[in-house]
Amino acid sequence: MVGMVLSSLMSGHFSDKYGRLPVLWAAVVLEIIAGLSCAFSFSIHQYMISRFLLAIGAYGRYLSGFMLGLLSHFCSIFSCNNNFLLNQ
């Protein structure tokens, strides 16, 4: 739960600063690495840290993907430019 709270704060801030698509890709990579680390953990401490990072990656992926989809739907209706979506 702490990972999800931190992820919602961090992914929102970084999405506004760097764009939603780079944050989405970073969250996906973090989720894959943390999932593999969780699967092949050697101790309970490594497992707990991996689950914490997995929660950050998974919720960051969810929030960034949801907002990217919502904004792309919004921009298809109101004809925004792509700079609004990707912040580039």
PDB file of N, CA and C in Angstrom:
ATOM      1  N   MET A   1       0.822  -1.195   0.000  1.00  0.00           N
ATOM      2  CA  MET A   1       0.000   0.000   0.000  1.00  0.00           C
ATOM      3  C   MET A   1       0.864   1.257   0.000  1.00  0.00           C
ATOM      4  N   VAL A   2       1.975   1.212   0.706  1.00  0.00           N
ATOM      5  CA  VAL A   2       2.858   2.376   0.737  1.00  0.00           C
ATOM      6  C   VAL A   2       3.452   2.608  -0.649  1.00  0.00           C
ATOM      7  N   GLY A   3       3.782   1.526  -1.347  1.00  0.00           N
ATOM      8  CA  GLY A   3       4.304   1.655  -2.704  1.00  0.00           C
ATOM      9  C   GLY A   3       3.296   2.269  -3.655  1.00  0.00           C
ATOM     10  N   MET A   4       2.039   1.945  -3.478  1.00  0.00           N
ATOM     11  CA  MET A   4       1.005   2.514  -4.346  1.00  0.00           C
ATOM     12  C   MET A   4       0.815   4.004  -4.072  1.00  0.00           C
ATOM     13  N   VAL A   5       0.881   4.395  -2.809  1.00  0.00           N
ATOM     14  CA  VAL A   5       0.741   5.817  -2.475  1.00  0.00           C
ATOM     15  C   VAL A   5       1.916   6.603  -3.031  1.00  0.00           C
ATOM     16  N   LEU A   6       3.124   6.093  -2.819  1.00  0.00           N
ATOM     17  CA  LEU A   6       4.300   6.782  -3.347  1.00  0.00           C
ATOM     18  C   LEU A   6       4.282   6.823  -4.876  1.00  0.00           C
ATOM     19  N   SER A   7       3.816   5.748  -5.482  1.00  0.00           N
ATOM     20  CA  SER A   7       3.747   5.699  -6.933  1.00  0.00           C
ATOM     21  C   SER A   7       2.770   6.722  -7.492  1.00  0.00           C
ATOM     22  N   SER A   8       1.647   6.894  -6.831  1.00  0.00           N
ATOM     23  CA  SER A   8       0.674   7.869  -7.334  1.00  0.00           C
ATOM     24  C   SER A   8       1.231   9.279  -7.242  1.00  0.00           C
ATOM     25  N   LEU A   9       1.953   9.586  -6.196  1.00  0.00           N
ATOM     26  CA  LEU A   9       2.553  10.915  -6.074  1.00  0.00           C
ATOM     27  C   LEU A   9       3.698  11.107  -7.060  1.00  0.00           C
ATOM     28  N   MET A  10       4.567  10.103  -7.171  1.00  0.00           N
ATOM     29  CA  MET A  10       5.736  10.240  -8.039  1.00  0.00           C
ATOM     30  C   MET A  10       5.358  10.200  -9.507  1.00  0.00           C
ATOM     31  N   SER A  11       4.473   9.296  -9.898  1.00  0.00           N
ATOM     32  CA  SER A  11       4.138   9.191 -11.318  1.00  0.00           C
ATOM     33  C   SER A  11       3.365  10.410 -11.801  1.00  0.00           C
ATOM     34  N   GLY A  12       2.549  10.983 -10.951  1.00  0.00           N
ATOM     35  CA  GLY A  12       1.854  12.209 -11.341  1.00  0.00           C
ATOM     36  C   GLY A  12       2.807  13.368 -11.540  1.00  0.00           C
ATOM     37  N   HIS A  13       3.757  13.501 -10.633  1.00  0.00           N
ATOM     38  CA  HIS A  13       4.732  14.586 -10.739  1.00  0.00           C
ATOM     39  C   HIS A  13       5.625  14.406 -11.962  1.00  0.00           C
ATOM     40  N   PHE A  14       6.167  13.193 -12.135  1.00  0.00           N
ATOM     41  CA  PHE A  14       7.059  12.951 -13.261  1.00  0.00           C
ATOM     42  C   PHE A  14       6.318  12.963 -14.596  1.00  0.00           C
ATOM     43  N   SER A  15       5.046  12.584 -14.592  1.00  0.00           N
ATOM     44  CA  SER A  15       4.263  12.650 -15.830  1.00  0.00           C
ATOM     45  C   SER A  15       4.063  14.090 -16.280  1.00  0.00           C
ATOM     46  N   ASP A  16       3.843  14.966 -15.337  1.00  0.00           N
ATOM     47  CA  ASP A  16       3.692  16.374 -15.687  1.00  0.00           C
ATOM     48  C   ASP A  16       5.013  16.988 -16.117  1.00  0.00           C
ATOM     49  N   LYS A  17       6.096  16.516 -15.552  1.00  0.00           N
ATOM     50  CA  LYS A  17       7.401  17.104 -15.847  1.00  0.00           C
ATOM     51  C   LYS A  17       8.015  16.557 -17.128  1.00  0.00           C
ATOM     52  N   TYR A  18       7.976  15.221 -17.321  1.00  0.00           N
ATOM     53  CA  TYR A  18       8.667  14.593 -18.443  1.00  0.00           C
ATOM     54  C   TYR A  18       7.743  14.032 -19.517  1.00  0.00           C
ATOM     55  N   GLY A  19       6.470  13.963 -19.262  1.00  0.00           N
ATOM     56  CA  GLY A  19       5.534  13.399 -20.223  1.00  0.00           C
ATOM     57  C   GLY A  19       5.030  12.048 -19.763  1.00  0.00           C
ATOM     58  N   ARG A  20       3.858  11.667 -20.234  1.00  0.00           N
ATOM     59  CA  ARG A  20       3.242  10.445 -19.762  1.00  0.00           C
ATOM     60  C   ARG A  20       3.842   9.183 -20.375  1.00  0.00           C
ATOM     61  N   LEU A  21       4.245   9.272 -21.613  1.00  0.00           N
ATOM     62  CA  LEU A  21       4.780   8.082 -22.282  1.00  0.00           C
ATOM     63  C   LEU A  21       6.129   7.633 -21.706  1.00  0.00           C
ATOM     64  N   PRO A  22       7.093   8.529 -21.457  1.00  0.00           N
ATOM     65  CA  PRO A  22       8.339   8.062 -20.819  1.00  0.00           C
ATOM     66  C   PRO A  22       8.118   7.489 -19.418  1.00  0.00           C
ATOM     67  N   VAL A  23       7.192   8.070 -18.672  1.00  0.00           N
ATOM     68  CA  VAL A  23       6.892   7.548 -17.335  1.00  0.00           C
ATOM     69  C   VAL A  23       6.222   6.185 -17.440  1.00  0.00           C
ATOM     70  N   LEU A  24       5.378   6.007 -18.435  1.00  0.00           N
ATOM     71  CA  LEU A  24       4.750   4.708 -18.651  1.00  0.00           C
ATOM     72  C   LEU A  24       5.790   3.640 -18.955  1.00  0.00           C
ATOM     73  N   TRP A  25       6.733   3.941 -19.831  1.00  0.00           N
ATOM     74  CA  TRP A  25       7.776   2.970 -20.165  1.00  0.00           C
ATOM     75  C   TRP A  25       8.679   2.682 -18.973  1.00  0.00           C
ATOM     76  N   ALA A  26       9.004   3.705 -18.193  1.00  0.00           N
ATOM     77  CA  ALA A  26       9.832   3.489 -16.999  1.00  0.00           C
ATOM     78  C   ALA A  26       9.101   2.609 -15.991  1.00  0.00           C
ATOM     79  N   ALA A  27       7.810   2.817 -15.840  1.00  0.00           N
ATOM     80  CA  ALA A  27       7.028   1.996 -14.905  1.00  0.00           C
ATOM     81  C   ALA A  27       6.942   0.550 -15.379  1.00  0.00           C
ATOM     82  N   VAL A  28       6.811   0.341 -16.679  1.00  0.00           N
ATOM     83  CA  VAL A  28       6.756  -1.027 -17.217  1.00  0.00           C
ATOM     84  C   VAL A  28       8.089  -1.743 -16.985  1.00  0.00           C
ATOM     85  N   VAL A  29       9.192  -1.038 -17.246  1.00  0.00           N
ATOM     86  CA  VAL A  29      10.513  -1.643 -17.031  1.00  0.00           C
ATOM     87  C   VAL A  29      10.724  -1.945 -15.548  1.00  0.00           C
ATOM     88  N   LEU A  30      10.347  -1.007 -14.678  1.00  0.00           N
ATOM     89  CA  LEU A  30      10.473  -1.238 -13.239  1.00  0.00           C
ATOM     90  C   LEU A  30       9.618  -2.424 -12.795  1.00  0.00           C
ATOM     91  N   GLU A  31       8.433  -2.539 -13.341  1.00  0.00           N
ATOM     92  CA  GLU A  31       7.555  -3.649 -12.979  1.00  0.00           C
ATOM     93  C   GLU A  31       8.137  -4.992 -13.417  1.00  0.00           C
ATOM     94  N   ILE A  32       8.719  -5.048 -14.597  1.00  0.00           N
ATOM     95  CA  ILE A  32       9.321  -6.293 -15.078  1.00  0.00           C
ATOM     96  C   ILE A  32      10.518  -6.683 -14.226  1.00  0.00           C
ATOM     97  N   ILE A  33      11.390  -5.722 -13.945  1.00  0.00           N
ATOM     98  CA  ILE A  33      12.586  -6.017 -13.151  1.00  0.00           C
ATOM     99  C   ILE A  33      12.205  -6.417 -11.727  1.00  0.00           C
ATOM    100  N   ALA A  34      11.267  -5.701 -11.128  1.00  0.00           N
ATOM    101  CA  ALA A  34      10.849  -6.028  -9.768  1.00  0.00           C
ATOM    102  C   ALA A  34      10.116  -7.368  -9.718  1.00  0.00           C
ATOM    103  N   GLY A  35       9.351  -7.693 -10.742  1.00  0.00           N
ATOM    104  CA  GLY A  35       8.675  -8.990 -10.786  1.00  0.00           C
ATOM    105  C   GLY A  35       9.650 -10.144 -10.896  1.00  0.00           C
ATOM    106  N   LEU A  36      10.679  -9.981 -11.718  1.00  0.00           N
ATOM    107  CA  LEU A  36      11.697 -11.023 -11.815  1.00  0.00           C
ATOM    108  C   LEU A  36      12.489 -11.148 -10.515  1.00  0.00           C
ATOM    109  N   SER A  37      12.791 -10.005  -9.907  1.00  0.00           N
ATOM    110  CA  SER A  37      13.493 -10.035  -8.631  1.00  0.00           C
ATOM    111  C   SER A  37      12.634 -10.684  -7.544  1.00  0.00           C
ATOM    112  N   CYS A  38      11.351 -10.461  -7.609  1.00  0.00           N
ATOM    113  CA  CYS A  38      10.435 -11.071  -6.647  1.00  0.00           C
ATOM    114  C   CYS A  38      10.353 -12.586  -6.858  1.00  0.00           C
ATOM    115  N   ALA A  39      10.350 -12.995  -8.105  1.00  0.00           N
ATOM    116  CA  ALA A  39      10.244 -14.426  -8.406  1.00  0.00           C
ATOM    117  C   ALA A  39      11.496 -15.188  -8.009  1.00  0.00           C
ATOM    118  N   PHE A  40      12.658 -14.555  -8.123  1.00  0.00           N
ATOM    119  CA  PHE A  40      13.907 -15.239  -7.839  1.00  0.00           C
ATOM    120  C   PHE A  40      14.577 -14.706  -6.571  1.00  0.00           C
ATOM    121  N   SER A  41      13.802 -14.252  -5.623  1.00  0.00           N
ATOM    122  CA  SER A  41      14.373 -13.706  -4.389  1.00  0.00           C
ATOM    123  C   SER A  41      14.927 -14.825  -3.515  1.00  0.00           C
ATOM    124  N   PHE A  42      15.969 -14.467  -2.766  1.00  0.00           N
ATOM    125  CA  PHE A  42      16.641 -15.434  -1.906  1.00  0.00           C
ATOM    126  C   PHE A  42      16.252 -15.297  -0.445  1.00  0.00           C
ATOM    127  N   SER A  43      15.734 -14.144  -0.064  1.00  0.00           N
ATOM    128  CA  SER A  43      15.383 -13.938   1.343  1.00  0.00           C
ATOM    129  C   SER A  43      14.065 -13.183   1.421  1.00  0.00           C
ATOM    130  N   ILE A  44      13.505 -13.150   2.597  1.00  0.00           N
ATOM    131  CA  ILE A  44      12.245 -12.441   2.792  1.00  0.00           C
ATOM    132  C   ILE A  44      12.436 -10.937   2.643  1.00  0.00           C
ATOM    133  N   HIS A  45      13.628 -10.441   2.979  1.00  0.00           N
ATOM    134  CA  HIS A  45      13.892  -9.013   2.855  1.00  0.00           C
ATOM    135  C   HIS A  45      13.956  -8.585   1.387  1.00  0.00           C
ATOM    136  N   GLN A  46      14.604  -9.390   0.571  1.00  0.00           N
ATOM    137  CA  GLN A  46      14.644  -9.098  -0.861  1.00  0.00           C
ATOM    138  C   GLN A  46      13.245  -9.203  -1.457  1.00  0.00           C
ATOM    139  N   TYR A  47      12.465 -10.150  -1.001  1.00  0.00           N
ATOM    140  CA  TYR A  47      11.102 -10.307  -1.481  1.00  0.00           C
ATOM    141  C   TYR A  47      10.248  -9.088  -1.121  1.00  0.00           C
ATOM    142  N   MET A  48      10.391  -8.588   0.108  1.00  0.00           N
ATOM    143  CA  MET A  48       9.603  -7.423   0.533  1.00  0.00           C
ATOM    144  C   MET A  48       9.989  -6.170  -0.245  1.00  0.00           C
ATOM    145  N   ILE A  49      11.270  -5.960  -0.478  1.00  0.00           N
ATOM    146  CA  ILE A  49      11.709  -4.806  -1.264  1.00  0.00           C
ATOM    147  C   ILE A  49      11.238  -4.940  -2.705  1.00  0.00           C
ATOM    148  N   SER A  50      11.305  -6.156  -3.238  1.00  0.00           N
ATOM    149  CA  SER A  50      10.844  -6.385  -4.613  1.00  0.00           C
ATOM    150  C   SER A  50       9.348  -6.130  -4.747  1.00  0.00           C
ATOM    151  N   ARG A  51       8.575  -6.541  -3.753  1.00  0.00           N
ATOM    152  CA  ARG A  51       7.127  -6.289  -3.790  1.00  0.00           C
ATOM    153  C   ARG A  51       6.816  -4.799  -3.684  1.00  0.00           C
ATOM    154  N   PHE A  52       7.610  -4.086  -2.893  1.00  0.00           N
ATOM    155  CA  PHE A  52       7.448  -2.640  -2.788  1.00  0.00           C
ATOM    156  C   PHE A  52       7.703  -1.980  -4.141  1.00  0.00           C
ATOM    157  N   LEU A  53       8.795  -2.359  -4.805  1.00  0.00           N
ATOM    158  CA  LEU A  53       9.106  -1.801  -6.123  1.00  0.00           C
ATOM    159  C   LEU A  53       8.089  -2.250  -7.175  1.00  0.00           C
ATOM    160  N   LEU A  54       7.583  -3.463  -7.018  1.00  0.00           N
ATOM    161  CA  LEU A  54       6.556  -3.958  -7.927  1.00  0.00           C
ATOM    162  C   LEU A  54       5.274  -3.137  -7.806  1.00  0.00           C
ATOM    163  N   ALA A  55       4.916  -2.768  -6.591  1.00  0.00           N
ATOM    164  CA  ALA A  55       3.732  -1.924  -6.388  1.00  0.00           C
ATOM    165  C   ALA A  55       3.930  -0.546  -7.010  1.00  0.00           C
ATOM    166  N   ILE A  56       5.139   0.004  -6.882  1.00  0.00           N
ATOM    167  CA  ILE A  56       5.421   1.307  -7.496  1.00  0.00           C
ATOM    168  C   ILE A  56       5.296   1.212  -9.012  1.00  0.00           C
ATOM    169  N   GLY A  57       5.887   0.174  -9.598  1.00  0.00           N
ATOM    170  CA  GLY A  57       5.829   0.018 -11.054  1.00  0.00           C
ATOM    171  C   GLY A  57       4.434  -0.269 -11.567  1.00  0.00           C
ATOM    172  N   ALA A  58       3.717  -1.141 -10.887  1.00  0.00           N
ATOM    173  CA  ALA A  58       2.388  -1.530 -11.363  1.00  0.00           C
ATOM    174  C   ALA A  58       1.398  -0.370 -11.278  1.00  0.00           C
ATOM    175  N   TYR A  59       1.406   0.343 -10.177  1.00  0.00           N
ATOM    176  CA  TYR A  59       0.456   1.445 -10.046  1.00  0.00           C
ATOM    177  C   TYR A  59       0.857   2.632 -10.910  1.00  0.00           C
ATOM    178  N   GLY A  60       2.175   2.832 -11.088  1.00  0.00           N
ATOM    179  CA  GLY A  60       2.624   3.871 -12.010  1.00  0.00           C
ATOM    180  C   GLY A  60       2.224   3.569 -13.442  1.00  0.00           C
ATOM    181  N   ARG A  61       2.297   2.287 -13.813  1.00  0.00           N
ATOM    182  CA  ARG A  61       1.858   1.879 -15.155  1.00  0.00           C
ATOM    183  C   ARG A  61       0.359   2.091 -15.312  1.00  0.00           C
ATOM    184  N   TYR A  62      -0.385   1.737 -14.289  1.00  0.00           N
ATOM    185  CA  TYR A  62      -1.835   1.890 -14.345  1.00  0.00           C
ATOM    186  C   TYR A  62      -2.227   3.367 -14.480  1.00  0.00           C
ATOM    187  N   LEU A  63      -1.669   4.217 -13.640  1.00  0.00           N
ATOM    188  CA  LEU A  63      -2.054   5.625 -13.666  1.00  0.00           C
ATOM    189  C   LEU A  63      -1.617   6.323 -14.950  1.00  0.00           C
ATOM    190  N   SER A  64      -0.377   6.066 -15.370  1.00  0.00           N
ATOM    191  CA  SER A  64       0.115   6.709 -16.593  1.00  0.00           C
ATOM    192  C   SER A  64      -0.647   6.222 -17.816  1.00  0.00           C
ATOM    193  N   GLY A  65      -0.903   4.924 -17.883  1.00  0.00           N
ATOM    194  CA  GLY A  65      -1.664   4.380 -19.012  1.00  0.00           C
ATOM    195  C   GLY A  65      -3.094   4.871 -19.040  1.00  0.00           C
ATOM    196  N   PHE A  66      -3.705   4.958 -17.870  1.00  0.00           N
ATOM    197  CA  PHE A  66      -5.082   5.445 -17.798  1.00  0.00           C
ATOM    198  C   PHE A  66      -5.168   6.903 -18.242  1.00  0.00           C
ATOM    199  N   MET A  67      -4.256   7.732 -17.741  1.00  0.00           N
ATOM    200  CA  MET A  67      -4.286   9.149 -18.110  1.00  0.00           C
ATOM    201  C   MET A  67      -3.933   9.354 -19.574  1.00  0.00           C
ATOM    202  N   LEU A  68      -3.006   8.559 -20.097  1.00  0.00           N
ATOM    203  CA  LEU A  68      -2.657   8.669 -21.513  1.00  0.00           C
ATOM    204  C   LEU A  68      -3.845   8.296 -22.392  1.00  0.00           C
ATOM    205  N   GLY A  69      -4.541   7.236 -22.020  1.00  0.00           N
ATOM    206  CA  GLY A  69      -5.736   6.849 -22.774  1.00  0.00           C
ATOM    207  C   GLY A  69      -6.858   7.855 -22.650  1.00  0.00           C
ATOM    208  N   LEU A  70      -7.053   8.379 -21.452  1.00  0.00           N
ATOM    209  CA  LEU A  70      -8.101   9.369 -21.232  1.00  0.00           C
ATOM    210  C   LEU A  70      -7.824  10.653 -22.003  1.00  0.00           C
ATOM    211  N   LEU A  71      -6.570  11.100 -21.980  1.00  0.00           N
ATOM    212  CA  LEU A  71      -6.232  12.324 -22.693  1.00  0.00           C
ATOM    213  C   LEU A  71      -6.253  12.133 -24.202  1.00  0.00           C
ATOM    214  N   SER A  72      -5.894  10.938 -24.678  1.00  0.00           N
ATOM    215  CA  SER A  72      -5.972  10.719 -26.127  1.00  0.00           C
ATOM    216  C   SER A  72      -7.425  10.699 -26.587  1.00  0.00           C
ATOM    217  N   HIS A  73      -8.317  10.167 -25.765  1.00  0.00           N
ATOM    218  CA  HIS A  73      -9.739  10.201 -26.097  1.00  0.00           C
ATOM    219  C   HIS A  73     -10.264  11.641 -26.044  1.00  0.00           C
ATOM    220  N   PHE A  74      -9.832  12.379 -25.038  1.00  0.00           N
ATOM    221  CA  PHE A  74     -10.225  13.785 -24.912  1.00  0.00           C
ATOM    222  C   PHE A  74      -9.743  14.595 -26.117  1.00  0.00           C
ATOM    223  N   CYS A  75      -8.500  14.335 -26.547  1.00  0.00           N
ATOM    224  CA  CYS A  75      -7.945  15.089 -27.672  1.00  0.00           C
ATOM    225  C   CYS A  75      -8.544  14.646 -29.005  1.00  0.00           C
ATOM    226  N   SER A  76      -9.052  13.430 -29.095  1.00  0.00           N
ATOM    227  CA  SER A  76      -9.714  13.029 -30.329  1.00  0.00           C
ATOM    228  C   SER A  76     -11.061  13.732 -30.467  1.00  0.00           C
ATOM    229  N   ILE A  77     -11.681  14.062 -29.355  1.00  0.00           N
ATOM    230  CA  ILE A  77     -12.955  14.772 -29.395  1.00  0.00           C
ATOM    231  C   ILE A  77     -12.736  16.266 -29.655  1.00  0.00           C
ATOM    232  N   PHE A  78     -11.771  16.853 -28.935  1.00  0.00           N
ATOM    233  CA  PHE A  78     -11.585  18.298 -28.996  1.00  0.00           C
ATOM    234  C   PHE A  78     -10.394  18.726 -29.834  1.00  0.00           C
ATOM    235  N   SER A  79      -9.780  17.815 -30.570  1.00  0.00           N
ATOM    236  CA  SER A  79      -8.675  18.057 -31.508  1.00  0.00           C
ATOM    237  C   SER A  79      -7.534  18.862 -30.891  1.00  0.00           C
ATOM    238  N   CYS A  80      -6.855  18.244 -29.916  1.00  0.00           N
ATOM    239  CA  CYS A  80      -5.654  18.832 -29.318  1.00  0.00           C
ATOM    240  C   CYS A  80      -4.458  18.408 -30.166  1.00  0.00           C
ATOM    241  N   ASN A  81      -3.302  18.998 -29.892  1.00  0.00           N
ATOM    242  CA  ASN A  81      -2.092  18.546 -30.556  1.00  0.00           C
ATOM    243  C   ASN A  81      -1.398  17.490 -29.693  1.00  0.00           C
ATOM    244  N   ASN A  82      -0.438  16.772 -30.282  1.00  0.00           N
ATOM    245  CA  ASN A  82       0.234  15.696 -29.564  1.00  0.00           C
ATOM    246  C   ASN A  82       1.167  16.200 -28.480  1.00  0.00           C
ATOM    247  N   ASN A  83       1.606  17.458 -28.548  1.00  0.00           N
ATOM    248  CA  ASN A  83       2.470  17.990 -27.506  1.00  0.00           C
ATOM    249  C   ASN A  83       1.744  18.041 -26.177  1.00  0.00           C
ATOM    250  N   PHE A  84       0.441  18.191 -26.214  1.00  0.00           N
ATOM    251  CA  PHE A  84      -0.331  18.186 -24.991  1.00  0.00           C
ATOM    252  C   PHE A  84      -0.299  16.819 -24.325  1.00  0.00           C
ATOM    253  N   LEU A  85      -0.277  15.759 -25.140  1.00  0.00           N
ATOM    254  CA  LEU A  85      -0.274  14.403 -24.603  1.00  0.00           C
ATOM    255  C   LEU A  85       1.099  13.976 -24.119  1.00  0.00           C
ATOM    256  N   LEU A  86       2.120  14.175 -24.933  1.00  0.00           N
ATOM    257  CA  LEU A  86       3.419  13.593 -24.646  1.00  0.00           C
ATOM    258  C   LEU A  86       4.366  14.564 -23.959  1.00  0.00           C
ATOM    259  N   ASN A  87       4.010  15.840 -23.903  1.00  0.00           N
ATOM    260  CA  ASN A  87       4.797  16.856 -23.226  1.00  0.00           C
ATOM    261  C   ASN A  87       6.210  16.914 -23.768  1.00  0.00           C
ATOM    262  N   GLN A  88       6.335  16.959 -25.099  1.00  0.00           N
ATOM    263  CA  GLN A  88       7.659  17.000 -25.720  1.00  0.00           C
ATOM    264  C   GLN A  88       7.888  18.339 -26.360  1.00  0.00           C
TER     265      GLN A  88
END
